[in-house]
Structures are given as structure tokens and as C-alpha cells.
Amino acid sequence: MFQEDRKEIILDLIGKNKNITINEISEILKISIPTVYRDLSVLEKENLIKKVYGGIKIVKDVNIELNFYKRLNNNKEKKVAIAREAVKLINENETLALDESSTSYYLAEEIKKTDKKITIITNSVLLPQLLLSSKNIIVISIGGIVYKDIAGFDGSIFINSSTNLIADKFFFSSGGFDENIGTVEIYDPENSVKAKEWFMDISKEAICSVDSSKFDRRGTINLFDIKKIKKIITDEHIDRKIAEVLRSKGIDLIIAKL
């Protein structure tokens, strides 16, 4: 397991059990105690935790800080590069569906810099605010239950009301990507995938935007089968063999330069 993945799990464990011990973290993650201490030191340097007498204290709201704002800064250079490639695929007067991912957030920032008239349908809580000052961008928020850990709506209001919305392109990311299976996510009953599934259904084209680190991660849910994915934007650090496998499946692979 990679350190970034361990850090997320450790923060989640601390958030749910403030009295959890180093030994318990070691046992749950099946890693050595020195490794736990190293991960905790990194988290402390990032000002996410504070070591106190008798335990560990969360400095900031673990759900928001870790699961969105923290992710926003993870691999930022790669995500911005991907967003700059993605914006090249967007045409005037198109309707786009954007998920709640941090990669889509950077794409929205790039879209905002253009003068194109665009309509954006999103389940993100933050994109409407980000794009509020743009005169040429219409934002449709699909609403529903707010999940703080992903800073997104579940989309129940629109999905259940059978709207007739359609989108030209759906830009989305995922927690992980298996080159033989497709996009994967970690199972979480509170992290609704209905909005992404709905976006896929209403869109003429789906474009997966994932940085190269996602190809090293695995999950427990196969959200979108590899057969549904025709185009991927990633960065130049993608493993060459993985890139070859994706292209052999007929996928249009766009590589963003850093």
C-alpha cells in the first residue's frame, strides 16, 4: 500500500476513534510500528494532526481536509496539466457534465479562463461558487444530499425527477483505475455513485481524467467497465506498459506534459 493511501486511512481511523493507538493502526493496516510513526510525522508536517500526550489529535476537519481539500493538493501539477489538455476538447456552446473530483475542479478553473459559452451540469458543491463570476458559463447544480467527504451532491433531486437534460461530454475521475477492468472505487455506502452513473447515461461522450498515480490503486467497486471508456487523459508519468495495454483496447490515450 502506498503512503498516500495509508495516510488517508490513518486520518479516517483517527477521525472515527480519537483514542486509537499506534499498535492498533499497525494491526489494522498490517504495517510496522516504525512505518506508522513515519506516516504520522508526515501528517503532522502537513498540519493535519498533532501529537499530544496520550494520543493523536486531528487539527482540522478530517473529512473535508482529507477527502477534498487535501486531495486537491495531491498531485496538483499532474491534475492541472490534465485539465489544460481537457479544455482543448471543449467547443463553444457545449454542455458538459463534471463530477465532484478534484481533477474536475481544476478543469473548471481552466474553462473559466476561456471566453467560450459553456453550460456545466455538476454534482460538485464547490464548482457553482467557483464559476459564479463567469458571465459565459451557465451552471446547473443537480442537488440532493451533500456528502462532505467528497464535497458533492448525490444528485437525487434531478435523477428522481426524470429530467430531460443531455450533455455533450462527461469529464470524470476515479479513486483508482485498472487497465483491464476500468474505473474502481473504494466501497462506501455514504459515497453515492448514482450521480456519475447518471452523467454517463445522459452524455454523448465520456472522458476519464486520471493522473498516473491512480493506475497504482485498486478498489472494491468497478464503477465503469473498461469497454465504456473510449478516451483517457493522464500525465506523462503513466507506466509505459499500462499505456500500451490501454491503446491495445482501442482507447484514445491523451498524455499531458508536465
C-alpha atoms as a PDB file:
ATOM      1  CA  MET A   1       0.000   0.000   0.000  1.00  0.00           C
ATOM      2  CA  PHE A   2       1.322   3.441  -0.943  1.00  0.00           C
ATOM      3  CA  GLN A   3       1.940   6.107   1.701  1.00  0.00           C
ATOM      4  CA  GLU A   4      -0.766   8.438   0.307  1.00  0.00           C
ATOM      5  CA  ASP A   5      -3.319   5.634   0.654  1.00  0.00           C
ATOM      6  CA  ARG A   6      -2.123   4.813   4.175  1.00  0.00           C
ATOM      7  CA  LYS A   7      -2.344   8.466   5.207  1.00  0.00           C
ATOM      8  CA  GLU A   8      -5.965   8.647   4.095  1.00  0.00           C
ATOM      9  CA  ILE A   9      -6.863   5.529   6.057  1.00  0.00           C
ATOM     10  CA  ILE A  10      -4.928   6.673   9.148  1.00  0.00           C
ATOM     11  CA  LEU A  11      -6.699  10.027   9.172  1.00  0.00           C
ATOM     12  CA  ASP A  12     -10.040   8.293   8.778  1.00  0.00           C
ATOM     13  CA  LEU A  13      -9.228   5.933  11.668  1.00  0.00           C
ATOM     14  CA  ILE A  14      -8.193   8.825  13.916  1.00  0.00           C
ATOM     15  CA  GLY A  15     -11.300  10.786  12.967  1.00  0.00           C
ATOM     16  CA  LYS A  16     -13.563   7.884  13.915  1.00  0.00           C
ATOM     17  CA  ASN A  17     -11.648   6.844  17.047  1.00  0.00           C
ATOM     18  CA  LYS A  18      -9.723   9.596  18.816  1.00  0.00           C
ATOM     19  CA  ASN A  19      -8.335   7.045  21.309  1.00  0.00           C
ATOM     20  CA  ILE A  20      -6.858   4.711  18.702  1.00  0.00           C
ATOM     21  CA  THR A  21      -3.300   3.586  19.476  1.00  0.00           C
ATOM     22  CA  ILE A  22      -0.203   3.235  17.313  1.00  0.00           C
ATOM     23  CA  ASN A  23      -0.356  -0.530  17.811  1.00  0.00           C
ATOM     24  CA  GLU A  24      -3.981  -0.655  16.656  1.00  0.00           C
ATOM     25  CA  ILE A  25      -3.176   1.328  13.499  1.00  0.00           C
ATOM     26  CA  SER A  26      -0.271  -1.031  12.854  1.00  0.00           C
ATOM     27  CA  GLU A  27      -2.511  -4.078  13.199  1.00  0.00           C
ATOM     28  CA  ILE A  28      -5.354  -2.687  11.068  1.00  0.00           C
ATOM     29  CA  LEU A  29      -3.059  -1.650   8.198  1.00  0.00           C
ATOM     30  CA  LYS A  30      -0.743  -4.641   8.654  1.00  0.00           C
ATOM     31  CA  ILE A  31       2.327  -2.390   8.670  1.00  0.00           C
ATOM     32  CA  SER A  32       5.200  -1.997  11.117  1.00  0.00           C
ATOM     33  CA  ILE A  33       5.067   0.429  14.026  1.00  0.00           C
ATOM     34  CA  PRO A  34       8.050   2.440  12.652  1.00  0.00           C
ATOM     35  CA  THR A  35       6.079   2.860   9.389  1.00  0.00           C
ATOM     36  CA  VAL A  36       3.100   4.182  11.345  1.00  0.00           C
ATOM     37  CA  TYR A  37       5.355   6.687  13.110  1.00  0.00           C
ATOM     38  CA  ARG A  38       6.794   7.843   9.765  1.00  0.00           C
ATOM     39  CA  ASP A  39       3.308   8.340   8.313  1.00  0.00           C
ATOM     40  CA  LEU A  40       2.198  10.245  11.411  1.00  0.00           C
ATOM     41  CA  SER A  41       5.252  12.503  11.164  1.00  0.00           C
ATOM     42  CA  VAL A  42       4.345  13.352   7.567  1.00  0.00           C
ATOM     43  CA  LEU A  43       0.731  14.085   8.575  1.00  0.00           C
ATOM     44  CA  GLU A  44       1.987  16.318  11.390  1.00  0.00           C
ATOM     45  CA  LYS A  45       4.229  18.255   8.993  1.00  0.00           C
ATOM     46  CA  GLU A  46       1.188  18.743   6.736  1.00  0.00           C
ATOM     47  CA  ASN A  47      -0.629  20.209   9.759  1.00  0.00           C
ATOM     48  CA  LEU A  48      -3.359  17.583   9.629  1.00  0.00           C
ATOM     49  CA  ILE A  49      -2.660  16.031  13.036  1.00  0.00           C
ATOM     50  CA  LYS A  50      -0.981  16.987  16.273  1.00  0.00           C
ATOM     51  CA  LYS A  51       0.693  14.530  18.617  1.00  0.00           C
ATOM     52  CA  VAL A  52      -0.495  15.153  22.168  1.00  0.00           C
ATOM     53  CA  TYR A  53       0.085  13.412  25.474  1.00  0.00           C
ATOM     54  CA  GLY A  54      -1.725  10.089  25.379  1.00  0.00           C
ATOM     55  CA  GLY A  55      -2.751  10.172  21.749  1.00  0.00           C
ATOM     56  CA  ILE A  56      -3.184  11.964  18.433  1.00  0.00           C
ATOM     57  CA  LYS A  57      -5.404  14.957  17.713  1.00  0.00           C
ATOM     58  CA  ILE A  58      -6.947  15.959  14.395  1.00  0.00           C
ATOM     59  CA  VAL A  59      -6.011  19.571  13.688  1.00  0.00           C
ATOM     60  CA  LYS A  60      -8.654  20.174  11.010  1.00  0.00           C
ATOM     61  CA  ASP A  61     -11.908  18.590   9.936  1.00  0.00           C
ATOM     62  CA  VAL A  62     -10.656  15.233   8.688  1.00  0.00           C
ATOM     63  CA  ASN A  63     -13.493  14.657   6.227  1.00  0.00           C
ATOM     64  CA  ILE A  64     -13.211  17.952   4.373  1.00  0.00           C
ATOM     65  CA  GLU A  65      -9.456  18.398   4.705  1.00  0.00           C
ATOM     66  CA  LEU A  66      -8.552  14.873   3.690  1.00  0.00           C
ATOM     67  CA  ASN A  67     -11.199  13.878   1.232  1.00  0.00           C
ATOM     68  CA  PHE A  68     -11.358  17.016  -0.859  1.00  0.00           C
ATOM     69  CA  TYR A  69      -9.079  19.904   0.026  1.00  0.00           C
ATOM     70  CA  LYS A  70      -6.254  17.510   0.811  1.00  0.00           C
ATOM     71  CA  ARG A  71      -6.880  15.641  -2.441  1.00  0.00           C
ATOM     72  CA  LEU A  72      -6.966  18.951  -4.267  1.00  0.00           C
ATOM     73  CA  ASN A  73      -3.288  19.440  -3.436  1.00  0.00           C
ATOM     74  CA  ASN A  74      -2.253  15.817  -4.020  1.00  0.00           C
ATOM     75  CA  ASN A  75      -0.553  15.552  -7.418  1.00  0.00           C
ATOM     76  CA  LYS A  76      -1.683  19.096  -8.209  1.00  0.00           C
ATOM     77  CA  GLU A  77       0.827  19.579 -11.034  1.00  0.00           C
ATOM     78  CA  LYS A  78      -0.457  16.469 -12.791  1.00  0.00           C
ATOM     79  CA  LYS A  79      -4.113  17.423 -12.372  1.00  0.00           C
ATOM     80  CA  VAL A  80      -3.556  20.939 -13.713  1.00  0.00           C
ATOM     81  CA  ALA A  81      -1.693  19.537 -16.732  1.00  0.00           C
ATOM     82  CA  ILE A  82      -4.578  17.126 -17.384  1.00  0.00           C
ATOM     83  CA  ALA A  83      -7.089  19.964 -17.082  1.00  0.00           C
ATOM     84  CA  ARG A  84      -5.177  22.007 -19.670  1.00  0.00           C
ATOM     85  CA  GLU A  85      -5.392  19.113 -22.118  1.00  0.00           C
ATOM     86  CA  ALA A  86      -9.047  18.507 -21.339  1.00  0.00           C
ATOM     87  CA  VAL A  87     -10.073  22.101 -22.001  1.00  0.00           C
ATOM     88  CA  LYS A  88      -8.727  21.747 -25.566  1.00  0.00           C
ATOM     89  CA  LEU A  89     -11.504  19.209 -26.232  1.00  0.00           C
ATOM     90  CA  ILE A  90     -14.283  21.621 -25.288  1.00  0.00           C
ATOM     91  CA  ASN A  91     -16.131  23.529 -28.001  1.00  0.00           C
ATOM     92  CA  GLU A  92     -18.257  26.665 -27.934  1.00  0.00           C
ATOM     93  CA  ASN A  93     -21.858  26.203 -26.726  1.00  0.00           C
ATOM     94  CA  GLU A  94     -21.319  22.677 -25.471  1.00  0.00           C
ATOM     95  CA  THR A  95     -22.965  21.221 -22.386  1.00  0.00           C
ATOM     96  CA  LEU A  96     -20.569  19.451 -20.049  1.00  0.00           C
ATOM     97  CA  ALA A  97     -21.124  17.129 -17.114  1.00  0.00           C
ATOM     98  CA  LEU A  98     -18.433  17.442 -14.440  1.00  0.00           C
ATOM     99  CA  ASP A  99     -18.194  15.206 -11.398  1.00  0.00           C
ATOM    100  CA  GLU A 100     -17.136  16.301  -7.913  1.00  0.00           C
ATOM    101  CA  SER A 101     -13.494  15.229  -8.305  1.00  0.00           C
ATOM    102  CA  SER A 102     -10.511  17.482  -7.649  1.00  0.00           C
ATOM    103  CA  THR A 103      -9.448  16.974 -11.294  1.00  0.00           C
ATOM    104  CA  SER A 104     -12.787  18.402 -12.452  1.00  0.00           C
ATOM    105  CA  TYR A 105     -12.236  21.362 -10.134  1.00  0.00           C
ATOM    106  CA  TYR A 106      -9.028  22.239 -11.973  1.00  0.00           C
ATOM    107  CA  LEU A 107     -10.795  21.716 -15.294  1.00  0.00           C
ATOM    108  CA  ALA A 108     -13.450  24.216 -14.210  1.00  0.00           C
ATOM    109  CA  GLU A 109     -10.684  26.710 -13.426  1.00  0.00           C
ATOM    110  CA  GLU A 110      -9.295  26.265 -16.953  1.00  0.00           C
ATOM    111  CA  ILE A 111     -12.756  26.606 -18.513  1.00  0.00           C
ATOM    112  CA  LYS A 112     -13.260  29.828 -16.578  1.00  0.00           C
ATOM    113  CA  LYS A 113     -10.154  31.309 -18.248  1.00  0.00           C
ATOM    114  CA  THR A 114     -11.687  30.889 -21.718  1.00  0.00           C
ATOM    115  CA  ASP A 115     -14.334  33.091 -23.332  1.00  0.00           C
ATOM    116  CA  LYS A 116     -16.393  30.145 -24.523  1.00  0.00           C
ATOM    117  CA  LYS A 117     -20.085  29.953 -23.764  1.00  0.00           C
ATOM    118  CA  ILE A 118     -20.489  26.718 -21.853  1.00  0.00           C
ATOM    119  CA  THR A 119     -23.201  25.040 -19.792  1.00  0.00           C
ATOM    120  CA  ILE A 120     -21.982  22.849 -16.947  1.00  0.00           C
ATOM    121  CA  ILE A 121     -24.047  20.239 -15.121  1.00  0.00           C
ATOM    122  CA  THR A 122     -22.368  19.162 -11.896  1.00  0.00           C
ATOM    123  CA  ASN A 123     -22.870  17.432  -8.578  1.00  0.00           C
ATOM    124  CA  SER A 124     -19.971  19.401  -7.065  1.00  0.00           C
ATOM    125  CA  VAL A 125     -20.757  21.683  -4.147  1.00  0.00           C
ATOM    126  CA  LEU A 126     -17.802  23.938  -4.982  1.00  0.00           C
ATOM    127  CA  LEU A 127     -17.993  24.447  -8.761  1.00  0.00           C
ATOM    128  CA  PRO A 128     -21.069  26.734  -8.709  1.00  0.00           C
ATOM    129  CA  GLN A 129     -19.245  29.082  -6.353  1.00  0.00           C
ATOM    130  CA  LEU A 130     -16.023  28.899  -8.380  1.00  0.00           C
ATOM    131  CA  LEU A 131     -17.848  29.779 -11.606  1.00  0.00           C
ATOM    132  CA  LEU A 132     -20.259  32.321 -10.136  1.00  0.00           C
ATOM    133  CA  SER A 133     -18.391  35.333 -11.542  1.00  0.00           C
ATOM    134  CA  SER A 134     -18.183  33.956 -15.095  1.00  0.00           C
ATOM    135  CA  LYS A 135     -20.610  35.663 -17.494  1.00  0.00           C
ATOM    136  CA  ASN A 136     -20.403  32.984 -20.194  1.00  0.00           C
ATOM    137  CA  ILE A 137     -20.844  29.873 -18.066  1.00  0.00           C
ATOM    138  CA  ILE A 138     -24.236  28.544 -17.020  1.00  0.00           C
ATOM    139  CA  VAL A 139     -24.062  26.149 -14.070  1.00  0.00           C
ATOM    140  CA  ILE A 140     -26.754  23.583 -13.309  1.00  0.00           C
ATOM    141  CA  SER A 141     -26.378  22.009  -9.870  1.00  0.00           C
ATOM    142  CA  ILE A 142     -28.110  18.641  -9.637  1.00  0.00           C
ATOM    143  CA  GLY A 143     -28.609  18.867  -5.884  1.00  0.00           C
ATOM    144  CA  GLY A 144     -29.545  16.268  -3.310  1.00  0.00           C
ATOM    145  CA  ILE A 145     -27.820  15.094  -0.156  1.00  0.00           C
ATOM    146  CA  VAL A 146     -24.468  16.799   0.481  1.00  0.00           C
ATOM    147  CA  TYR A 147     -21.572  14.450   1.204  1.00  0.00           C
ATOM    148  CA  LYS A 148     -18.900  16.478   2.962  1.00  0.00           C
ATOM    149  CA  ASP A 149     -16.139  13.952   2.353  1.00  0.00           C
ATOM    150  CA  ILE A 150     -16.398  14.405  -1.426  1.00  0.00           C
ATOM    151  CA  ALA A 151     -17.784  17.979  -1.410  1.00  0.00           C
ATOM    152  CA  GLY A 152     -20.539  16.780  -3.705  1.00  0.00           C
ATOM    153  CA  PHE A 153     -24.271  16.121  -4.032  1.00  0.00           C
ATOM    154  CA  ASP A 154     -25.728  12.668  -4.579  1.00  0.00           C
ATOM    155  CA  GLY A 155     -27.904  14.051  -7.373  1.00  0.00           C
ATOM    156  CA  SER A 156     -31.177  12.601  -6.093  1.00  0.00           C
ATOM    157  CA  ILE A 157     -33.267  15.684  -6.928  1.00  0.00           C
ATOM    158  CA  PHE A 158     -32.559  15.561 -10.662  1.00  0.00           C
ATOM    159  CA  ILE A 159     -32.196  11.825 -11.021  1.00  0.00           C
ATOM    160  CA  ASN A 160     -35.518  11.093  -9.330  1.00  0.00           C
ATOM    161  CA  SER A 161     -37.410  13.794 -11.229  1.00  0.00           C
ATOM    162  CA  SER A 162     -36.596  12.299 -14.669  1.00  0.00           C
ATOM    163  CA  THR A 163     -35.213  15.464 -16.237  1.00  0.00           C
ATOM    164  CA  ASN A 164     -34.515  15.620 -19.954  1.00  0.00           C
ATOM    165  CA  LEU A 165     -31.024  17.068 -19.657  1.00  0.00           C
ATOM    166  CA  ILE A 166     -28.326  15.883 -22.039  1.00  0.00           C
ATOM    167  CA  ALA A 167     -24.603  16.619 -22.155  1.00  0.00           C
ATOM    168  CA  ASP A 168     -22.072  16.612 -24.969  1.00  0.00           C
ATOM    169  CA  LYS A 169     -19.176  15.442 -22.796  1.00  0.00           C
ATOM    170  CA  PHE A 170     -18.797  13.936 -19.339  1.00  0.00           C
ATOM    171  CA  PHE A 171     -15.446  14.564 -17.650  1.00  0.00           C
ATOM    172  CA  PHE A 172     -14.834  12.388 -14.621  1.00  0.00           C
ATOM    173  CA  SER A 173     -12.134  10.901 -12.426  1.00  0.00           C
ATOM    174  CA  SER A 174     -11.986   7.910 -10.082  1.00  0.00           C
ATOM    175  CA  GLY A 175     -10.291   6.620  -6.960  1.00  0.00           C
ATOM    176  CA  GLY A 176      -8.345   4.100  -8.996  1.00  0.00           C
ATOM    177  CA  PHE A 177      -8.032   2.616 -12.477  1.00  0.00           C
ATOM    178  CA  ASP A 178      -7.414  -0.968 -13.530  1.00  0.00           C
ATOM    179  CA  GLU A 179      -6.321  -1.179 -17.160  1.00  0.00           C
ATOM    180  CA  ASN A 180      -8.163  -4.486 -17.562  1.00  0.00           C
ATOM    181  CA  ILE A 181     -11.319  -3.688 -15.593  1.00  0.00           C
ATOM    182  CA  GLY A 182     -11.915   0.073 -15.744  1.00  0.00           C
ATOM    183  CA  THR A 183     -12.541   2.683 -13.050  1.00  0.00           C
ATOM    184  CA  VAL A 184     -12.611   1.432  -9.493  1.00  0.00           C
ATOM    185  CA  GLU A 185     -13.736   2.977  -6.215  1.00  0.00           C
ATOM    186  CA  ILE A 186     -13.459   2.007  -2.561  1.00  0.00           C
ATOM    187  CA  TYR A 187     -16.841   0.837  -1.295  1.00  0.00           C
ATOM    188  CA  ASP A 188     -18.502   3.432   0.936  1.00  0.00           C
ATOM    189  CA  PRO A 189     -22.282   3.372   1.417  1.00  0.00           C
ATOM    190  CA  GLU A 190     -22.286   7.124   2.090  1.00  0.00           C
ATOM    191  CA  ASN A 191     -20.363   7.968  -1.081  1.00  0.00           C
ATOM    192  CA  SER A 192     -23.066   7.803  -3.734  1.00  0.00           C
ATOM    193  CA  VAL A 193     -22.057   6.818  -7.255  1.00  0.00           C
ATOM    194  CA  LYS A 194     -25.526   7.484  -8.671  1.00  0.00           C
ATOM    195  CA  ALA A 195     -24.599  10.932  -9.957  1.00  0.00           C
ATOM    196  CA  LYS A 196     -21.671   9.602 -12.017  1.00  0.00           C
ATOM    197  CA  GLU A 197     -23.784   6.790 -13.425  1.00  0.00           C
ATOM    198  CA  TRP A 198     -26.462   9.299 -14.399  1.00  0.00           C
ATOM    199  CA  PHE A 199     -23.912  11.612 -16.024  1.00  0.00           C
ATOM    200  CA  MET A 200     -22.638   8.662 -18.050  1.00  0.00           C
ATOM    201  CA  ASP A 201     -26.167   7.860 -19.223  1.00  0.00           C
ATOM    202  CA  ILE A 202     -27.030  11.393 -20.382  1.00  0.00           C
ATOM    203  CA  SER A 203     -23.699  12.177 -22.084  1.00  0.00           C
ATOM    204  CA  LYS A 204     -22.763  11.611 -25.715  1.00  0.00           C
ATOM    205  CA  GLU A 205     -19.088  11.140 -24.826  1.00  0.00           C
ATOM    206  CA  ALA A 206     -17.324  10.183 -21.590  1.00  0.00           C
ATOM    207  CA  ILE A 207     -13.746  11.274 -20.926  1.00  0.00           C
ATOM    208  CA  CYS A 208     -11.851   9.798 -17.997  1.00  0.00           C
ATOM    209  CA  SER A 209      -9.325  12.232 -16.490  1.00  0.00           C
ATOM    210  CA  VAL A 210      -6.989  10.439 -14.097  1.00  0.00           C
ATOM    211  CA  ASP A 211      -3.447  11.235 -13.033  1.00  0.00           C
ATOM    212  CA  SER A 212      -0.836   8.485 -13.320  1.00  0.00           C
ATOM    213  CA  SER A 213      -0.903   7.641  -9.598  1.00  0.00           C
ATOM    214  CA  LYS A 214      -4.445   6.261  -9.966  1.00  0.00           C
ATOM    215  CA  PHE A 215      -3.158   3.336 -12.033  1.00  0.00           C
ATOM    216  CA  ASP A 216      -1.364   2.029  -8.936  1.00  0.00           C
ATOM    217  CA  ARG A 217      -4.552   1.920  -6.873  1.00  0.00           C
ATOM    218  CA  ARG A 218      -7.188  -0.765  -6.617  1.00  0.00           C
ATOM    219  CA  GLY A 219     -10.720  -0.677  -5.253  1.00  0.00           C
ATOM    220  CA  THR A 220     -13.713  -2.804  -4.370  1.00  0.00           C
ATOM    221  CA  ILE A 221     -16.250  -1.452  -6.897  1.00  0.00           C
ATOM    222  CA  ASN A 222     -15.907  -1.445 -10.675  1.00  0.00           C
ATOM    223  CA  LEU A 223     -17.904   1.702 -11.459  1.00  0.00           C
ATOM    224  CA  PHE A 224     -17.368   1.951 -15.230  1.00  0.00           C
ATOM    225  CA  ASP A 225     -16.287  -1.073 -17.246  1.00  0.00           C
ATOM    226  CA  ILE A 226     -13.248  -0.610 -19.469  1.00  0.00           C
ATOM    227  CA  LYS A 227     -15.481  -1.195 -22.521  1.00  0.00           C
ATOM    228  CA  LYS A 228     -17.374   2.031 -21.727  1.00  0.00           C
ATOM    229  CA  ILE A 229     -14.221   4.138 -21.675  1.00  0.00           C
ATOM    230  CA  LYS A 230     -13.102   5.371 -25.079  1.00  0.00           C
ATOM    231  CA  LYS A 231     -10.880   8.287 -24.074  1.00  0.00           C
ATOM    232  CA  ILE A 232      -8.489   8.859 -21.164  1.00  0.00           C
ATOM    233  CA  ILE A 233      -6.433  11.922 -20.283  1.00  0.00           C
ATOM    234  CA  THR A 234      -3.494  11.278 -17.968  1.00  0.00           C
ATOM    235  CA  ASP A 235       0.012  12.611 -17.413  1.00  0.00           C
ATOM    236  CA  GLU A 236       3.382  11.598 -18.811  1.00  0.00           C
ATOM    237  CA  HIS A 237       4.321   9.564 -15.735  1.00  0.00           C
ATOM    238  CA  ILE A 238       1.957   6.759 -16.707  1.00  0.00           C
ATOM    239  CA  ASP A 239       3.699   3.389 -16.890  1.00  0.00           C
ATOM    240  CA  ARG A 240       4.586   2.555 -20.492  1.00  0.00           C
ATOM    241  CA  LYS A 241       3.195  -0.984 -20.276  1.00  0.00           C
ATOM    242  CA  ILE A 242      -0.120   0.265 -18.909  1.00  0.00           C
ATOM    243  CA  ALA A 243      -0.313   2.814 -21.728  1.00  0.00           C
ATOM    244  CA  GLU A 244       0.281   0.044 -24.270  1.00  0.00           C
ATOM    245  CA  VAL A 245      -2.499  -2.097 -22.767  1.00  0.00           C
ATOM    246  CA  LEU A 246      -4.951   0.814 -22.880  1.00  0.00           C
ATOM    247  CA  ARG A 247      -4.136   1.629 -26.501  1.00  0.00           C
ATOM    248  CA  SER A 248      -4.419  -2.056 -27.465  1.00  0.00           C
ATOM    249  CA  LYS A 249      -8.030  -1.879 -26.250  1.00  0.00           C
ATOM    250  CA  GLY A 250      -8.750   0.931 -28.698  1.00  0.00           C
ATOM    251  CA  ILE A 251      -8.726   3.675 -26.089  1.00  0.00           C
ATOM    252  CA  ASP A 252      -7.700   7.159 -27.223  1.00  0.00           C
ATOM    253  CA  LEU A 253      -4.981   7.973 -24.663  1.00  0.00           C
ATOM    254  CA  ILE A 254      -4.043  11.653 -24.323  1.00  0.00           C
ATOM    255  CA  ILE A 255      -0.809  12.336 -22.441  1.00  0.00           C
ATOM    256  CA  ALA A 256      -0.454  15.682 -20.657  1.00  0.00           C
ATOM    257  CA  LYS A 257       3.072  17.077 -20.462  1.00  0.00           C
ATOM    258  CA  LEU A 258       4.238  18.403 -17.089  1.00  0.00           C
END
